[in-house]
Amino acid sequence: MRISKIWFTLIVAFVFFLIANAPASLLKPILKNSISIPFTLSGSIWKGSMHSNYFKSASWKVDPLHLLLAKVSVQLKAEIDTQNKINAKAKISLFKKLELSNINGFFTTQYLQQFVPNMPFLLSSNIVINKVNASWNNSLPPNLPSEFKGNLSIKEVNLLGEKLGDYSFNFAYLDQTLDGDISSSISSSIDTNLRVTISPKKVLTMSGEILPKTRVLKSIFKELNISPSISYHYQLSY
């Protein structure tokens, strides 16, 4: 009887050892469903990292205590390069509900330009992500989240060499509709009051006013035929 208990203990210990040291490569078939670019994995399923020619690294660390609640809690960190980084805490349940909380980081418009090469960016800036939250119900990325809200700080905006200052974008996306606003800081060179919406029919609308403060900017707006009153509509294709 005592020998049986010893063998049982050894077998359980061995199983836990295998699980604790399970290589990260076991996750590759799952990640391929959401990530279409080539990548490699290193480390274990509990603490590992992903590498690709498209970014420097993406690492994760699993909190084992949440497994007792039938949830997986992961601290995520992605570094594309020194100017483009993002961090988030992810929780996923057995019912395919994914939550990303306290998403923070920063991107440059230069990096984002590669995703829409046919749409030239007249503006350049640094985009700071401030505690954004996103959740998916009964679906996972690359599907769009069912809820997505937070704030983006648009720093050091530059238009054709002219510094425009800093701006803020508050937004809330719920059930395929978006409601947000873009406002300017006191020190900005343009008074901005814009509303951005996406309707259930996937129509993007931007409306409001952008009023240049300096003589140079007024001249640039005139040359580019930019109206102070904005009313823009675009049919999205996603």
Protein backbone atom coordinates (compact mmCIF):
# COMPACT_ATOMS: atom_id res chain seq x y z
CA MET A 1 0.00 0.00 0.00
CA ARG A 2 2.83 2.36 0.90
CA ILE A 3 4.64 1.54 -2.34
CA SER A 4 1.46 2.33 -4.32
CA LYS A 5 1.23 5.78 -2.67
CA ILE A 6 4.86 6.45 -3.49
CA TRP A 7 4.33 5.52 -7.14
CA PHE A 8 1.17 7.66 -7.31
CA THR A 9 3.06 10.62 -5.82
CA LEU A 10 5.92 10.16 -8.29
CA ILE A 11 3.54 9.91 -11.25
CA VAL A 12 1.65 13.07 -10.18
CA ALA A 13 4.95 14.91 -9.65
CA PHE A 14 6.17 13.78 -13.07
CA VAL A 15 2.95 14.96 -14.74
CA PHE A 16 3.20 18.36 -13.08
CA PHE A 17 6.85 18.55 -14.12
CA LEU A 18 5.90 17.88 -17.75
CA ILE A 19 3.14 20.49 -17.65
CA ALA A 20 5.34 23.10 -15.96
CA ASN A 21 8.07 22.59 -18.56
CA ALA A 22 5.82 22.18 -21.59
CA PRO A 23 7.52 24.02 -24.48
CA ALA A 24 5.96 27.14 -25.96
CA SER A 25 6.00 25.44 -29.38
CA LEU A 26 2.85 23.58 -28.30
CA LEU A 27 0.97 26.88 -28.66
CA LYS A 28 1.93 27.37 -32.31
CA PRO A 29 -1.10 25.58 -33.87
CA ILE A 30 -3.42 27.73 -31.73
CA LEU A 31 -1.64 31.03 -32.43
CA LYS A 32 -1.58 30.37 -36.17
CA ASN A 33 -5.36 30.85 -36.21
CA SER A 34 -4.92 34.50 -35.18
CA ILE A 35 -1.45 35.37 -36.51
CA SER A 36 -0.82 35.13 -40.25
CA ILE A 37 2.83 36.23 -40.28
CA PRO A 38 5.78 33.82 -39.78
CA PHE A 39 6.98 33.57 -36.17
CA THR A 40 9.00 31.40 -33.80
CA LEU A 41 8.40 30.57 -30.14
CA SER A 42 10.77 30.06 -27.21
CA GLY A 43 10.42 29.31 -23.51
CA SER A 44 7.48 27.42 -22.00
CA ILE A 45 3.71 27.73 -22.23
CA TRP A 46 3.85 29.47 -18.82
CA LYS A 47 6.58 31.98 -19.60
CA GLY A 48 7.78 32.43 -23.15
CA SER A 49 8.20 34.75 -26.07
CA MET A 50 7.46 35.07 -29.78
CA HIS A 51 9.83 36.46 -32.39
CA SER A 52 9.36 37.53 -36.00
CA ASN A 53 10.89 39.71 -38.69
CA TYR A 54 7.85 41.99 -38.27
CA PHE A 55 8.51 42.79 -34.60
CA LYS A 56 11.30 42.48 -32.04
CA SER A 57 9.53 40.30 -29.46
CA ALA A 58 6.22 39.49 -27.80
CA SER A 59 6.40 37.85 -24.38
CA TRP A 60 3.89 36.40 -21.94
CA LYS A 61 3.75 35.19 -18.35
CA VAL A 62 0.85 33.08 -17.04
CA ASP A 63 -0.54 33.55 -13.53
CA PRO A 64 -1.24 29.97 -12.32
CA LEU A 65 -3.55 31.09 -9.49
CA HIS A 66 -6.32 32.02 -11.96
CA LEU A 67 -6.41 28.42 -13.24
CA LEU A 68 -8.33 27.52 -10.09
CA LEU A 69 -11.11 29.82 -11.35
CA ALA A 70 -11.17 28.15 -14.78
CA LYS A 71 -9.50 31.20 -16.28
CA VAL A 72 -6.10 31.89 -17.79
CA SER A 73 -4.52 35.20 -16.78
CA VAL A 74 -1.53 36.33 -18.84
CA GLN A 75 0.68 39.41 -18.70
CA LEU A 76 1.53 40.37 -22.28
CA LYS A 77 4.33 42.59 -23.54
CA ALA A 78 5.06 43.31 -27.21
CA GLU A 79 8.01 45.32 -28.52
CA ILE A 80 8.06 46.07 -32.24
CA ASP A 81 11.03 48.43 -31.86
CA THR A 82 12.19 51.14 -29.46
CA GLN A 83 9.40 53.51 -30.61
CA ASN A 84 6.52 51.03 -30.77
CA LYS A 85 5.61 49.00 -27.68
CA ILE A 86 2.46 47.71 -25.99
CA ASN A 87 1.55 46.00 -22.70
CA ALA A 88 -1.70 44.40 -21.54
CA LYS A 89 -3.20 41.93 -19.11
CA ALA A 90 -5.27 39.18 -20.73
CA LYS A 91 -7.88 36.90 -19.20
CA ILE A 92 -9.59 34.11 -21.11
CA SER A 93 -12.27 31.75 -19.80
CA LEU A 94 -13.29 28.27 -20.92
CA PHE A 95 -16.25 29.86 -22.71
CA LYS A 96 -13.97 31.69 -25.17
CA LYS A 97 -14.42 35.05 -23.47
CA LEU A 98 -11.26 37.11 -23.81
CA GLU A 99 -10.60 40.32 -21.88
CA LEU A 100 -7.64 42.65 -22.38
CA SER A 101 -7.32 45.18 -19.58
CA ASN A 102 -5.03 48.12 -18.89
CA ILE A 103 -3.69 48.14 -22.44
CA ASN A 104 -0.96 50.77 -22.59
CA GLY A 105 1.95 51.63 -24.82
CA PHE A 106 2.87 53.86 -27.73
CA PHE A 107 3.04 53.82 -31.54
CA THR A 108 4.18 56.17 -34.28
CA THR A 109 2.10 57.05 -37.33
CA GLN A 110 5.16 56.05 -39.39
CA TYR A 111 4.73 52.47 -38.18
CA LEU A 112 0.94 52.47 -38.69
CA GLN A 113 1.32 53.76 -42.26
CA GLN A 114 2.44 50.33 -43.48
CA PHE A 115 -1.02 48.89 -42.74
CA VAL A 116 -2.74 51.40 -45.06
CA PRO A 117 -0.11 52.07 -47.77
CA ASN A 118 -2.70 53.43 -50.22
CA MET A 119 -3.80 56.16 -47.78
CA PRO A 120 -1.02 58.76 -47.31
CA PHE A 121 -0.77 60.30 -43.84
CA LEU A 122 -0.50 64.09 -44.01
CA LEU A 123 -0.04 64.15 -40.25
CA SER A 124 2.73 62.50 -38.24
CA SER A 125 2.60 61.98 -34.48
CA ASN A 126 3.28 59.71 -31.53
CA ILE A 127 0.21 57.86 -30.25
CA VAL A 128 0.11 56.99 -26.55
CA ILE A 129 -2.37 54.30 -25.43
CA ASN A 130 -3.81 55.08 -22.00
CA LYS A 131 -5.46 52.21 -20.10
CA VAL A 132 -7.60 50.88 -22.92
CA ASN A 133 -9.86 47.84 -22.34
CA ALA A 134 -11.19 45.34 -24.89
CA SER A 135 -13.28 42.18 -24.66
CA TRP A 136 -14.43 39.42 -26.99
CA ASN A 137 -17.58 37.40 -26.25
CA ASN A 138 -17.85 33.96 -27.88
CA SER A 139 -15.10 34.84 -30.35
CA LEU A 140 -11.37 35.53 -30.42
CA PRO A 141 -9.02 37.72 -32.49
CA PRO A 142 -8.67 38.39 -35.40
CA ASN A 143 -12.41 39.01 -34.99
CA LEU A 144 -13.27 42.52 -33.82
CA PRO A 145 -13.91 42.91 -30.08
CA SER A 146 -17.49 43.18 -28.85
CA GLU A 147 -16.41 46.06 -26.60
CA PHE A 148 -13.44 48.42 -26.89
CA LYS A 149 -12.99 51.68 -24.98
CA GLY A 150 -10.36 54.02 -23.62
CA ASN A 151 -8.25 57.04 -24.46
CA LEU A 152 -5.45 57.79 -26.89
CA SER A 153 -3.11 60.78 -26.51
CA ILE A 154 -1.90 62.05 -29.88
CA LYS A 155 1.41 63.71 -29.14
CA GLU A 156 3.67 66.03 -31.15
CA VAL A 157 1.40 66.23 -34.18
CA ASN A 158 3.20 67.55 -37.25
CA LEU A 159 1.62 68.75 -40.50
CA LEU A 160 4.09 69.33 -43.36
CA GLY A 161 6.77 70.44 -40.89
CA GLU A 162 4.42 72.59 -38.82
CA LYS A 163 4.08 71.56 -35.15
CA LEU A 164 0.43 71.33 -34.09
CA GLY A 165 0.75 70.25 -30.44
CA ASP A 166 -1.10 67.51 -28.54
CA TYR A 167 -4.63 66.07 -28.82
CA SER A 168 -6.84 63.52 -27.08
CA PHE A 169 -9.17 60.83 -28.48
CA ASN A 170 -11.77 59.31 -26.15
CA PHE A 171 -13.75 56.43 -27.62
CA ALA A 172 -16.21 53.65 -26.83
CA TYR A 173 -16.91 50.79 -29.26
CA LEU A 174 -19.83 48.50 -28.48
CA ASP A 175 -21.74 46.01 -30.66
CA GLN A 176 -20.10 47.21 -33.90
CA THR A 177 -20.77 50.91 -33.24
CA LEU A 178 -18.24 53.57 -32.24
CA ASP A 179 -18.72 56.87 -30.47
CA GLY A 180 -15.71 59.08 -29.82
CA ASP A 181 -14.41 62.64 -29.72
CA ILE A 182 -11.13 64.34 -30.55
CA SER A 183 -10.17 67.45 -28.60
CA SER A 184 -7.10 69.68 -28.51
CA SER A 185 -4.89 70.73 -25.61
CA ILE A 186 -4.66 74.37 -24.54
CA SER A 187 -1.16 74.68 -26.06
CA SER A 188 -2.12 73.16 -29.43
CA SER A 189 -1.97 75.20 -32.64
CA ILE A 190 -5.45 74.12 -33.74
CA ASP A 191 -8.69 74.36 -31.79
CA THR A 192 -10.24 70.94 -32.36
CA ASN A 193 -13.69 69.64 -31.55
CA LEU A 194 -14.51 66.54 -33.59
CA ARG A 195 -16.96 63.69 -33.15
CA VAL A 196 -16.13 60.30 -34.65
CA THR A 197 -18.78 57.60 -35.05
CA ILE A 198 -19.27 54.24 -36.75
CA SER A 199 -22.88 53.25 -37.41
CA PRO A 200 -24.29 49.69 -37.36
CA LYS A 201 -24.13 49.87 -41.19
CA LYS A 202 -20.32 50.35 -40.93
CA VAL A 203 -20.35 54.00 -42.01
CA LEU A 204 -17.49 56.04 -40.51
CA THR A 205 -18.48 59.65 -39.85
CA MET A 206 -16.28 62.51 -38.67
CA SER A 207 -17.85 65.89 -37.99
CA GLY A 208 -16.98 69.10 -36.15
CA GLU A 209 -14.51 71.95 -36.42
CA ILE A 210 -10.77 72.42 -36.70
CA LEU A 211 -9.72 76.05 -36.38
CA PRO A 212 -6.05 76.99 -37.05
CA LYS A 213 -4.62 79.61 -34.68
CA THR A 214 -1.49 80.77 -36.54
CA ARG A 215 -1.10 82.63 -39.83
CA VAL A 216 1.11 79.84 -41.25
CA LEU A 217 -1.48 77.16 -40.51
CA LYS A 218 -4.28 79.25 -41.96
CA SER A 219 -2.22 79.52 -45.15
CA ILE A 220 -1.56 75.74 -45.22
CA PHE A 221 -5.26 74.99 -44.69
CA LYS A 222 -6.10 77.31 -47.56
CA GLU A 223 -3.51 75.76 -49.92
CA LEU A 224 -4.69 72.23 -49.10
CA ASN A 225 -8.34 73.31 -49.32
CA ILE A 226 -9.01 72.10 -45.77
CA SER A 227 -12.31 73.43 -44.49
CA PRO A 228 -12.61 74.40 -40.80
CA SER A 229 -15.95 72.59 -40.75
CA ILE A 230 -15.51 68.83 -41.14
CA SER A 231 -18.21 66.50 -42.45
CA TYR A 232 -16.67 63.23 -43.65
CA HIS A 233 -18.37 59.90 -44.40
CA TYR A 234 -16.71 56.65 -45.42
CA GLN A 235 -18.12 53.15 -45.94
CA LEU A 236 -15.93 50.61 -44.12
CA SER A 237 -15.32 47.23 -45.74
CA TYR A 238 -14.46 45.01 -42.73
